[in-house]
Amino acid sequence: MGSLPKDTHKYAFAMVEAARIMPADRAEKLDHIKQLRFNVQLKNLRKRINRRIT
């Protein structure tokens, strides 16, 4: 999955892959999926902060 260009795509595909074998709420608790979600949220927060400053 290293070829995916955006963190949102990585997160979405990781969730789909994990949800095939377990419920989605349990899949979101996996460490690698938590890290992907955190990266997406942090990127969006930085964009929002930068818009307010400029």
N, C-alpha and C. Protein backbone atom coordinates (compact mmCIF):
# COMPACT_ATOMS: atom_id res chain seq x y z
N MET A 1 0.80 -1.19 0.00
CA MET A 1 0.00 0.00 0.00
C MET A 1 0.85 1.26 0.00
N GLY A 2 2.13 1.13 -0.19
CA GLY A 2 2.98 2.30 -0.20
C GLY A 2 2.83 3.15 -1.44
N SER A 3 2.16 2.63 -2.45
CA SER A 3 2.02 3.38 -3.70
C SER A 3 0.84 4.34 -3.71
N LEU A 4 0.02 4.31 -2.69
CA LEU A 4 -1.14 5.21 -2.64
C LEU A 4 -0.67 6.63 -2.34
N PRO A 5 -1.15 7.60 -3.10
CA PRO A 5 -0.62 8.96 -2.99
C PRO A 5 -1.09 9.73 -1.75
N LYS A 6 -2.26 9.45 -1.24
CA LYS A 6 -2.81 10.26 -0.16
C LYS A 6 -3.07 9.41 1.07
N ASP A 7 -2.92 10.04 2.23
CA ASP A 7 -3.18 9.34 3.48
C ASP A 7 -4.65 8.92 3.59
N THR A 8 -5.55 9.72 3.01
CA THR A 8 -6.96 9.36 3.08
C THR A 8 -7.22 8.07 2.32
N HIS A 9 -6.52 7.87 1.21
CA HIS A 9 -6.68 6.64 0.45
C HIS A 9 -6.09 5.47 1.23
N LYS A 10 -4.95 5.67 1.86
CA LYS A 10 -4.34 4.61 2.65
C LYS A 10 -5.27 4.20 3.78
N TYR A 11 -5.86 5.20 4.45
CA TYR A 11 -6.77 4.91 5.55
C TYR A 11 -8.01 4.15 5.06
N ALA A 12 -8.58 4.61 3.97
CA ALA A 12 -9.80 3.98 3.45
C ALA A 12 -9.54 2.53 3.05
N PHE A 13 -8.44 2.27 2.36
CA PHE A 13 -8.15 0.91 1.92
C PHE A 13 -7.79 0.01 3.10
N ALA A 14 -7.11 0.56 4.11
CA ALA A 14 -6.80 -0.23 5.30
C ALA A 14 -8.08 -0.60 6.04
N MET A 15 -9.02 0.34 6.11
CA MET A 15 -10.30 0.04 6.77
C MET A 15 -11.09 -1.02 6.00
N VAL A 16 -11.12 -0.92 4.69
CA VAL A 16 -11.85 -1.91 3.89
C VAL A 16 -11.23 -3.29 4.06
N GLU A 17 -9.91 -3.34 4.01
CA GLU A 17 -9.21 -4.61 4.14
C GLU A 17 -9.46 -5.24 5.52
N ALA A 18 -9.39 -4.43 6.57
CA ALA A 18 -9.60 -4.95 7.92
C ALA A 18 -11.07 -5.29 8.17
N ALA A 19 -11.98 -4.53 7.59
CA ALA A 19 -13.41 -4.76 7.81
C ALA A 19 -13.88 -6.06 7.15
N ARG A 20 -13.10 -6.57 6.24
CA ARG A 20 -13.47 -7.86 5.64
C ARG A 20 -13.37 -9.01 6.63
N ILE A 21 -12.48 -8.88 7.62
CA ILE A 21 -12.27 -9.98 8.54
C ILE A 21 -12.76 -9.69 9.96
N MET A 22 -13.17 -8.44 10.23
CA MET A 22 -13.65 -8.09 11.57
C MET A 22 -14.61 -6.92 11.46
N PRO A 23 -15.39 -6.67 12.50
CA PRO A 23 -16.28 -5.50 12.49
C PRO A 23 -15.48 -4.20 12.39
N ALA A 24 -16.08 -3.19 11.80
CA ALA A 24 -15.38 -1.93 11.56
C ALA A 24 -14.96 -1.24 12.85
N ASP A 25 -15.74 -1.37 13.91
CA ASP A 25 -15.35 -0.71 15.16
C ASP A 25 -14.10 -1.34 15.75
N ARG A 26 -13.93 -2.63 15.58
CA ARG A 26 -12.70 -3.28 16.04
C ARG A 26 -11.54 -2.95 15.11
N ALA A 27 -11.81 -2.81 13.82
CA ALA A 27 -10.76 -2.49 12.86
C ALA A 27 -10.17 -1.11 13.14
N GLU A 28 -11.01 -0.17 13.57
CA GLU A 28 -10.51 1.18 13.86
C GLU A 28 -9.60 1.22 15.08
N LYS A 29 -9.62 0.18 15.89
CA LYS A 29 -8.77 0.15 17.08
C LYS A 29 -7.38 -0.43 16.80
N LEU A 30 -7.15 -0.92 15.60
CA LEU A 30 -5.83 -1.45 15.24
C LEU A 30 -4.83 -0.30 15.17
N ASP A 31 -3.62 -0.57 15.64
CA ASP A 31 -2.61 0.48 15.75
C ASP A 31 -2.29 1.16 14.43
N HIS A 32 -2.11 0.39 13.37
CA HIS A 32 -1.72 1.02 12.09
C HIS A 32 -2.86 1.86 11.52
N ILE A 33 -4.10 1.46 11.77
CA ILE A 33 -5.24 2.25 11.29
C ILE A 33 -5.41 3.50 12.14
N LYS A 34 -5.15 3.41 13.45
CA LYS A 34 -5.18 4.60 14.30
C LYS A 34 -4.16 5.62 13.82
N GLN A 35 -2.96 5.14 13.46
CA GLN A 35 -1.91 6.05 13.01
C GLN A 35 -2.30 6.71 11.69
N LEU A 36 -2.88 5.96 10.77
CA LEU A 36 -3.33 6.54 9.50
C LEU A 36 -4.41 7.60 9.72
N ARG A 37 -5.36 7.31 10.60
CA ARG A 37 -6.43 8.26 10.89
C ARG A 37 -5.86 9.52 11.54
N PHE A 38 -4.90 9.35 12.44
CA PHE A 38 -4.26 10.49 13.08
C PHE A 38 -3.56 11.37 12.06
N ASN A 39 -2.87 10.75 11.11
CA ASN A 39 -2.18 11.52 10.06
C ASN A 39 -3.16 12.33 9.23
N VAL A 40 -4.29 11.75 8.88
CA VAL A 40 -5.31 12.44 8.10
C VAL A 40 -5.87 13.61 8.90
N GLN A 41 -6.20 13.38 10.16
CA GLN A 41 -6.75 14.44 11.00
C GLN A 41 -5.76 15.57 11.21
N LEU A 42 -4.48 15.23 11.42
CA LEU A 42 -3.46 16.24 11.62
C LEU A 42 -3.26 17.10 10.38
N LYS A 43 -3.26 16.45 9.23
CA LYS A 43 -3.11 17.19 7.97
C LYS A 43 -4.27 18.17 7.77
N ASN A 44 -5.49 17.72 8.04
CA ASN A 44 -6.66 18.59 7.91
C ASN A 44 -6.62 19.74 8.91
N LEU A 45 -6.16 19.47 10.11
CA LEU A 45 -6.05 20.52 11.12
C LEU A 45 -5.03 21.57 10.69
N ARG A 46 -3.90 21.14 10.15
CA ARG A 46 -2.89 22.08 9.68
C ARG A 46 -3.43 22.95 8.56
N LYS A 47 -4.18 22.36 7.65
CA LYS A 47 -4.78 23.14 6.56
C LYS A 47 -5.74 24.19 7.11
N ARG A 48 -6.56 23.79 8.09
CA ARG A 48 -7.53 24.72 8.67
C ARG A 48 -6.85 25.86 9.40
N ILE A 49 -5.80 25.56 10.13
CA ILE A 49 -5.05 26.60 10.84
C ILE A 49 -4.40 27.55 9.87
N ASN A 50 -3.81 27.03 8.80
CA ASN A 50 -3.13 27.87 7.81
C ASN A 50 -4.10 28.77 7.08
N ARG A 51 -5.33 28.32 6.84
CA ARG A 51 -6.32 29.16 6.19
C ARG A 51 -6.70 30.35 7.07
N ARG A 52 -6.77 30.14 8.36
CA ARG A 52 -7.15 31.20 9.27
C ARG A 52 -6.04 32.24 9.39
N ILE A 53 -4.79 31.81 9.30
CA ILE A 53 -3.66 32.72 9.47
C ILE A 53 -3.47 33.59 8.23
N THR A 54 -3.60 33.00 7.06
CA THR A 54 -3.34 33.77 5.84
C THR A 54 -4.56 34.43 5.31
